[in-house]
Protein backbone atom coordinates (compact mmCIF):
# COMPACT_ATOMS: atom_id res chain seq x y z
CA MET A 1 -17.21 -1.31 -30.40
CA ALA A 2 -16.15 -2.95 -33.88
CA LYS A 3 -18.18 -2.03 -37.10
CA GLU A 4 -19.00 -5.31 -37.59
CA SER A 5 -20.67 -5.56 -33.99
CA VAL A 6 -22.87 -2.43 -34.91
CA GLU A 7 -23.71 -3.66 -38.25
CA ALA A 8 -24.95 -6.93 -36.61
CA ARG A 9 -26.66 -5.58 -34.11
CA LEU A 10 -28.51 -3.24 -36.64
CA MET A 11 -29.37 -6.46 -38.76
CA GLY A 12 -30.93 -8.02 -35.40
CA LEU A 13 -33.72 -5.50 -35.87
CA ALA A 14 -34.45 -6.83 -39.33
CA ASP A 15 -34.13 -10.43 -38.00
CA VAL A 16 -36.92 -9.93 -35.36
CA VAL A 17 -39.33 -8.81 -38.10
CA ILE A 18 -38.41 -11.96 -40.14
CA ASP A 19 -38.70 -14.46 -37.39
CA ALA A 20 -41.94 -12.80 -36.43
CA ALA A 21 -43.20 -13.10 -39.91
CA LYS A 22 -42.16 -16.89 -39.98
CA LYS A 23 -44.15 -17.41 -36.69
CA LYS A 24 -47.06 -15.73 -37.81
CA LYS A 25 -46.52 -13.13 -34.84
CA ASP A 26 -46.60 -9.55 -34.17
CA PRO A 27 -42.80 -8.00 -34.30
CA GLU A 28 -41.81 -6.46 -31.33
CA PHE A 29 -38.50 -5.10 -29.87
CA GLN A 30 -37.59 -3.64 -26.39
CA ILE A 31 -36.62 0.05 -26.14
CA PRO A 32 -35.30 1.68 -22.98
CA VAL A 33 -36.71 4.44 -21.42
CA ARG A 34 -35.18 7.70 -21.80
CA ALA A 35 -36.94 9.54 -19.01
CA LEU A 36 -36.25 10.99 -15.34
CA SER A 37 -38.12 7.67 -14.09
CA ASN A 38 -35.32 5.43 -15.31
CA VAL A 39 -32.17 7.20 -14.09
CA GLU A 40 -30.63 7.56 -10.92
CA PHE A 41 -27.13 8.90 -9.43
CA ASN A 42 -24.72 6.05 -8.58
CA GLU A 43 -23.01 7.31 -5.66
CA LYS A 44 -19.91 4.95 -6.16
CA LYS A 45 -19.26 6.08 -9.77
CA ARG A 46 -20.71 9.55 -9.45
CA LEU A 47 -22.66 9.41 -12.50
CA ILE A 48 -26.20 9.79 -13.97
CA MET A 49 -26.99 6.40 -14.94
CA MET A 50 -30.07 4.76 -16.75
CA LYS A 51 -31.50 1.83 -15.33
CA ASP A 52 -33.20 -1.20 -16.59
CA ALA A 53 -36.91 -0.21 -17.46
CA THR A 54 -37.80 -1.04 -21.25
CA THR A 55 -41.03 -0.53 -23.08
CA GLY A 56 -42.21 -2.47 -26.01
CA ARG A 57 -42.52 -1.20 -29.72
CA ASN A 58 -44.59 -3.35 -31.87
CA PHE A 59 -46.19 -3.35 -35.19
CA PHE A 60 -49.55 -4.65 -34.86
CA ASN A 61 -50.79 -1.92 -32.51
CA LEU A 62 -52.07 1.35 -33.90
CA GLY A 63 -50.52 3.62 -31.28
CA MET A 64 -47.16 1.98 -32.15
CA ALA A 65 -47.00 1.23 -35.89
CA ARG A 66 -45.83 4.44 -37.15
CA LYS A 67 -42.78 4.41 -34.91
CA PHE A 68 -42.11 0.88 -35.33
CA MET A 69 -41.99 1.54 -38.96
CA GLN A 70 -39.79 4.62 -38.70
CA THR A 71 -37.44 2.70 -36.36
CA MET A 72 -37.03 0.35 -39.02
CA LEU A 73 -36.45 2.78 -41.67
CA VAL A 74 -33.71 4.67 -39.67
CA GLY A 75 -32.26 1.08 -38.90
CA ASP A 76 -31.95 0.32 -42.47
CA ALA A 77 -30.21 4.01 -43.03
CA LEU A 78 -27.69 3.29 -40.38
CA ALA A 79 -26.87 -0.51 -41.61
CA GLU A 80 -26.27 1.05 -45.09
CA LEU A 81 -23.86 3.53 -43.70
CA GLN A 82 -22.09 0.69 -41.71
CA ARG A 83 -21.88 -1.27 -44.75
CA ALA A 84 -20.65 1.71 -46.93
CA ASP A 85 -18.34 2.89 -43.93
CA LEU A 86 -19.92 6.53 -44.44
CA THR A 87 -20.52 9.06 -42.08
CA THR A 88 -23.73 11.55 -42.35
CA SER A 89 -25.83 14.14 -40.43
CA LEU A 90 -28.61 14.01 -38.41
CA ARG A 91 -30.25 16.11 -41.19
CA GLU A 92 -29.40 13.58 -44.12
CA ILE A 93 -30.59 10.51 -42.27
CA TYR A 94 -33.99 12.67 -42.28
CA TYR A 95 -33.97 12.94 -45.83
CA ARG A 96 -32.75 9.51 -46.44
CA THR A 97 -35.87 8.07 -44.65
CA LYS A 98 -38.53 10.36 -45.72
CA HIS A 99 -41.01 9.38 -48.26
CA THR A 100 -44.47 9.39 -49.07
CA LEU A 101 -46.23 6.06 -48.40
CA LYS A 102 -47.74 4.36 -51.78
CA ASP A 103 -51.24 5.30 -52.46
CA SER A 104 -51.55 7.62 -49.56
CA ASN A 105 -50.65 11.45 -48.35
CA GLU A 106 -48.90 9.88 -45.40
CA ASN A 107 -45.35 10.67 -45.15
CA THR A 108 -42.87 8.31 -43.05
CA PHE A 109 -41.45 11.83 -41.24
CA ASP A 110 -43.06 14.87 -41.32
CA GLY A 111 -40.02 16.60 -39.47
CA GLN A 112 -36.75 16.07 -38.23
CA ASP A 113 -37.93 16.48 -34.72
CA GLU A 114 -39.52 12.71 -35.47
CA SER A 115 -36.30 11.05 -36.80
CA ASP A 116 -33.68 12.33 -34.08
CA PRO A 117 -35.43 10.87 -31.28
CA ILE A 118 -35.54 7.40 -33.30
CA ILE A 119 -31.85 7.47 -33.34
CA GLU A 120 -31.36 8.13 -29.73
CA ASP A 121 -33.47 5.12 -29.15
CA LEU A 122 -31.18 2.99 -31.36
CA GLU A 123 -28.36 4.32 -29.35
CA VAL A 124 -29.48 2.83 -26.12
CA THR A 125 -31.10 -0.34 -27.63
CA LEU A 126 -28.04 -1.24 -29.48
CA GLU A 127 -25.67 0.15 -26.83
CA ALA A 128 -23.60 2.06 -29.64
CA LEU A 129 -23.24 5.53 -29.37
CA ARG A 130 -24.32 7.74 -32.12
CA GLU A 131 -20.80 8.27 -33.36
CA GLU A 132 -20.30 4.62 -33.53
CA LEU A 133 -23.59 4.52 -35.91
CA HIS A 134 -21.45 6.84 -38.10
CA VAL A 135 -23.75 9.58 -37.82
CA ALA A 136 -22.28 13.28 -36.82
CA ALA A 137 -23.69 16.37 -35.48
CA GLU A 138 -22.69 19.84 -36.88
CA GLY A 139 -18.98 20.59 -35.23
CA ARG A 140 -19.63 23.22 -32.14
CA GLY A 141 -16.59 24.32 -30.05
CA SER A 142 -13.18 25.41 -30.49
CA VAL A 143 -9.96 24.04 -28.87
CA VAL A 144 -6.71 26.06 -28.46
CA GLY A 145 -3.34 24.98 -26.18
CA ASN A 146 -0.77 22.37 -25.54
CA VAL A 147 -2.54 19.40 -27.36
CA THR A 148 -1.56 18.18 -30.53
CA ILE A 149 -4.66 16.00 -32.47
CA VAL A 150 -4.30 13.91 -35.48
CA ASP A 151 -7.30 14.67 -37.37
CA ASN A 152 -7.85 11.79 -40.19
CA GLY A 153 -4.30 12.01 -40.80
CA ASP A 154 -3.59 15.76 -40.47
CA THR A 155 -1.60 16.59 -37.41
CA ILE A 156 -3.17 19.68 -35.86
CA ASP A 157 -0.93 21.31 -33.44
CA CYS A 158 -3.33 23.28 -31.30
CA THR A 159 -0.64 26.03 -30.18
CA ARG A 160 -0.78 27.22 -33.59
CA ALA A 161 -4.59 26.93 -34.26
CA GLY A 162 -4.76 30.83 -33.74
CA LYS A 163 -7.10 33.02 -31.58
CA ALA A 164 -10.34 31.26 -32.48
CA GLY A 165 -8.61 27.51 -32.04
CA HIS A 166 -9.17 24.48 -33.89
CA THR A 167 -12.82 23.46 -34.70
CA VAL A 168 -14.10 20.58 -32.46
CA PRO A 169 -15.39 17.74 -34.65
CA SER A 170 -18.70 16.10 -33.76
CA ILE A 171 -16.94 12.77 -34.14
CA VAL A 172 -13.88 12.45 -32.06
CA GLU A 173 -13.36 8.68 -31.36
CA GLU A 174 -10.22 6.84 -32.93
CA PRO A 175 -9.47 5.96 -35.64
CA GLY A 176 -10.05 9.11 -37.02
CA ILE A 177 -9.45 11.34 -34.09
CA ARG A 178 -5.80 10.49 -32.40
CA ILE A 179 -4.46 12.67 -29.15
CA LYS A 180 -0.73 12.60 -30.41
CA LYS A 181 0.86 14.70 -27.64
CA CYS A 182 -0.31 17.03 -24.68
CA THR A 183 2.15 18.82 -22.35
CA ALA A 184 -0.72 20.62 -20.56
CA ASP A 185 -1.16 20.60 -16.76
CA PHE A 186 -5.14 21.11 -16.89
CA ILE A 187 -8.02 21.49 -19.25
CA LEU A 188 -10.07 24.61 -18.98
CA LEU A 189 -13.70 24.10 -20.50
CA ILE A 190 -15.34 27.26 -21.10
CA GLU A 191 -19.00 27.95 -21.14
CA LYS A 192 -19.29 30.87 -23.59
CA ALA A 193 -17.01 31.91 -26.84
CA THR A 194 -16.58 35.37 -25.65
CA GLN A 195 -14.40 34.25 -22.49
CA PHE A 196 -12.60 31.71 -24.81
CA ASN A 197 -11.82 34.54 -27.17
CA ARG A 198 -10.09 36.42 -24.52
CA LEU A 199 -8.47 33.71 -22.80
CA SER A 200 -6.99 32.61 -26.20
CA GLU A 201 -6.25 36.36 -27.19
CA ASP A 202 -4.42 36.73 -23.96
CA LYS A 203 -2.44 33.16 -24.52
CA PHE A 204 -3.53 31.98 -21.31
CA TRP A 205 -2.99 28.58 -22.05
CA LYS A 206 0.73 29.42 -22.80
CA LYS A 207 1.26 31.26 -19.46
CA HIS A 208 -0.55 28.45 -17.43
CA ASN A 209 0.19 25.84 -19.46
CA CYS A 210 -3.43 24.37 -20.22
CA VAL A 211 -5.76 23.57 -22.85
CA LEU A 212 -8.70 25.76 -23.53
CA ILE A 213 -11.85 24.17 -24.83
CA THR A 214 -15.49 25.99 -25.48
CA GLY A 215 -18.73 24.30 -26.20
CA ASN A 216 -20.03 27.79 -27.03
CA GLY A 217 -22.84 27.01 -24.32
CA GLN A 218 -23.96 23.42 -23.25
CA PRO A 219 -20.98 21.50 -24.47
CA PRO A 220 -21.86 19.10 -27.35
CA ARG A 221 -21.14 15.75 -27.15
CA GLY A 222 -17.97 15.91 -29.10
CA VAL A 223 -16.44 18.67 -26.91
CA ARG A 224 -17.47 16.68 -23.86
CA ARG A 225 -15.85 13.37 -25.43
CA LEU A 226 -12.60 15.36 -26.33
CA CYS A 227 -12.28 16.76 -22.81
CA ARG A 228 -12.71 13.01 -21.90
CA ARG A 229 -10.31 11.44 -23.67
CA ILE A 230 -7.55 13.78 -22.85
CA HIS A 231 -8.52 13.76 -19.51
CA ASP A 232 -8.15 9.80 -19.46
CA GLU A 233 -5.03 9.52 -21.74
CA TYR A 234 -2.98 12.44 -20.35
CA LYS A 235 -4.31 12.84 -16.70
CA CYS A 236 -5.12 16.23 -17.06
CA PRO A 237 -7.46 17.53 -14.20
CA VAL A 238 -10.53 19.41 -15.92
CA TYR A 239 -11.94 22.72 -14.47
CA VAL A 240 -14.95 24.21 -15.65
CA LEU A 241 -15.72 27.85 -15.84
CA VAL A 242 -19.34 29.00 -16.39
CA ASP A 243 -21.66 32.12 -15.43
CA ASN A 244 -23.06 32.43 -12.12
CA ASP A 245 -26.85 31.45 -12.71
CA PRO A 246 -28.71 28.16 -12.45
CA TRP A 247 -27.79 27.29 -16.11
CA GLY A 248 -24.11 27.57 -15.68
CA TYR A 249 -24.26 25.19 -12.50
CA TYR A 250 -26.29 22.86 -14.60
CA ILE A 251 -23.66 22.69 -17.50
CA TYR A 252 -21.31 22.28 -15.08
CA SER A 253 -23.07 19.20 -13.41
CA VAL A 254 -23.76 17.53 -17.14
CA VAL A 255 -19.91 17.53 -17.47
CA LYS A 256 -19.44 16.10 -14.30
CA GLN A 257 -21.96 13.55 -13.74
CA GLY A 258 -23.81 13.12 -17.10
CA SER A 259 -27.35 14.39 -18.28
CA ILE A 260 -30.96 12.83 -17.47
CA ASN A 261 -31.57 12.74 -20.98
CA LEU A 262 -27.96 11.21 -22.14
CA ALA A 263 -27.49 8.94 -19.05
CA PHE A 264 -26.37 5.94 -21.28
CA GLU A 265 -23.56 7.96 -22.30
CA SER A 266 -22.35 9.23 -18.91
CA GLU A 267 -19.68 6.19 -18.54
CA ARG A 268 -18.07 7.55 -21.65
CA MET A 269 -19.02 11.20 -21.65
CA ALA A 270 -18.81 12.56 -17.89
CA MET A 271 -16.03 13.31 -15.90
CA PRO A 272 -16.80 12.76 -11.88
CA ASP A 273 -13.69 14.67 -11.12
CA ALA A 274 -14.31 17.57 -13.01
CA LYS A 275 -13.92 21.10 -10.72
CA PHE A 276 -16.27 23.97 -10.83
CA ILE A 277 -13.87 26.95 -11.11
CA GLY A 278 -16.62 29.74 -11.43
CA LEU A 279 -17.96 32.42 -11.35
CA SER A 280 -19.12 31.74 -7.64
CA SER A 281 -22.00 33.42 -6.26
CA PHE A 282 -19.31 34.81 -3.41
CA ASP A 283 -17.25 35.93 -6.32
CA PRO A 284 -18.91 39.31 -6.58
CA GLU A 285 -18.23 40.20 -2.82
CA SER A 286 -14.49 39.09 -3.02
CA HIS A 287 -13.64 40.52 -6.35
CA LYS A 288 -15.51 43.50 -5.54
CA LEU A 289 -18.39 43.69 -8.13
CA PRO A 290 -20.72 46.22 -8.09
CA ARG A 291 -24.76 44.89 -7.56
CA ASN A 292 -25.49 46.77 -10.47
CA VAL A 293 -23.37 44.71 -12.85
CA GLY A 294 -25.33 41.61 -11.41
CA ILE A 295 -28.67 40.62 -13.33
CA ARG A 296 -31.76 40.13 -11.24
CA LEU A 297 -33.03 36.48 -10.78
CA GLU A 298 -36.16 35.83 -12.88
CA ASP A 299 -38.81 33.46 -11.66
CA ARG A 300 -37.54 30.82 -13.83
CA ASP A 301 -33.99 31.27 -12.52
CA ILE A 302 -35.42 30.93 -8.89
CA SER A 303 -37.33 27.76 -9.94
CA ARG A 304 -34.45 26.00 -11.24
CA ALA A 305 -32.30 26.98 -8.65
CA LYS A 306 -34.53 25.22 -6.27
CA GLU A 307 -34.89 22.23 -8.61
CA LEU A 308 -30.91 22.21 -8.54
CA LEU A 309 -30.99 21.94 -4.96
CA ALA A 310 -32.98 18.96 -4.92
CA TYR A 311 -30.87 17.09 -7.27
CA PRO A 312 -28.80 14.05 -5.35
CA TRP A 313 -25.71 15.31 -7.27
CA PHE A 314 -25.96 18.78 -5.07
CA GLN A 315 -26.49 17.68 -1.77
CA LYS A 316 -22.79 18.63 -0.79
CA LYS A 317 -22.91 21.37 1.71
CA GLU A 318 -20.83 23.37 -0.16
CA TRP A 319 -23.23 23.46 -3.22
CA GLN A 320 -26.09 23.93 -0.95
CA LYS A 321 -24.46 27.01 0.55
CA GLU A 322 -23.44 28.09 -2.83
CA ILE A 323 -26.64 28.08 -4.31
CA LYS A 324 -28.58 29.48 -1.55
CA ASN A 325 -26.12 32.20 -1.41
CA MET A 326 -27.20 33.02 -5.36
CA LEU A 327 -30.56 33.17 -4.33
CA ALA A 328 -30.39 35.08 -1.30
CA SER A 329 -28.79 37.96 -3.40
CA GLY A 330 -31.51 37.91 -5.74
CA LEU A 331 -28.85 38.35 -8.30
CA LYS A 332 -27.02 36.41 -11.02
CA PHE A 333 -23.62 37.38 -12.77
CA GLU A 334 -22.32 36.63 -16.29
CA LEU A 335 -18.56 36.27 -16.61
CA ASP A 336 -18.69 39.10 -18.78
CA ALA A 337 -19.13 41.20 -15.71
CA LEU A 338 -15.51 40.59 -14.86
CA ALA A 339 -14.84 43.28 -17.26
CA ASN A 340 -16.15 45.83 -15.11
CA LYS A 341 -12.96 45.85 -13.34
CA ASN A 342 -10.91 45.77 -16.68
CA PHE A 343 -10.81 43.68 -19.65
CA GLN A 344 -8.00 41.30 -19.13
CA TYR A 345 -9.33 40.80 -15.22
CA LEU A 346 -10.42 37.21 -16.27
CA THR A 347 -7.14 36.62 -17.67
CA THR A 348 -4.41 38.33 -15.11
CA THR A 349 -6.45 38.25 -12.00
CA TYR A 350 -9.47 36.32 -11.95
CA LEU A 351 -8.47 33.07 -12.75
CA PRO A 352 -4.77 32.89 -11.55
CA LYS A 353 -6.01 33.62 -8.12
CA LYS A 354 -8.55 30.89 -8.16
CA LEU A 355 -5.98 28.30 -9.50
CA LYS A 356 -3.38 29.56 -7.06
CA ASP A 357 -6.01 29.09 -4.14
CA LYS A 358 -7.53 26.13 -5.17
CA ASP A 359 -10.64 27.92 -5.01
CA TRP A 360 -13.07 25.79 -6.78
CA LEU A 361 -16.21 23.37 -6.03
CA ASP A 362 -16.37 19.78 -6.52
């Protein structure tokens, strides 16, 4: 979306207030509902998508007046960024819009936990991603391997990014970020930095012609978007490597179908063709890992796994079998447990066998 279009939409919020004032009416605008009740799994697109429910936000309502005012303040700050062609952080938006109302002890915002959701509200209302609103989060994630990126004019050859890799920025959109070249056969998206470091140190990307990316846990938007761009622009398949627990399964599902909280972003972030390459609940047996390196499932693990079993996007018989097998074993396994075999087992044995046998879940 062009900058002018985003700015025009932001200015449209001010027009709502001006028009209402001229007509001596209560200013109001509609905000899409960001809740489970307003999302659905689109079977055809294989994505979690937002439905059409909205809620009104108006000024002459004691229950809504504060949030209405906060929305206008954040909208004004975002418009200022558009006009100046500047990018800022979520934290700076909070401080830019925080002040004490005249002749009172009332603050416009008491904490960043109030301003951050307003930005998400404006994303869905304006149909403009946070990155298009010129708001960046802290970069969290690394990439190494056979891809070359141009980052604000600087060419980054990720084969020369060292063991730690190149930090993935929060905003990975053009024109700031351009993917100049990619010769990789696939992308390996890795949950944990420890496994990323092992694979990077062992030059797994060189031996198997791939790109390694980690989000250090649940991959942030920049990591997911970079994977999606490489996937789309260079037709690279994506394989997801996570721990064998309900949280690993969920990370995979967010990468593949999108998330409930950010359903409005699914068509730009999610990758329906992504494959789950492990760690599977069947792998401890096939790789002869002793039970004593497993971790007993806690009540919250069991509860979360049962929730996943009910999700529409986990209804394939292979996934039902996978999750039920974990529950039946009573154990979860971290990828780190593969070190019980030897320190390079992940690199030299586990992943090469998975790739050769095409042993993944879809």
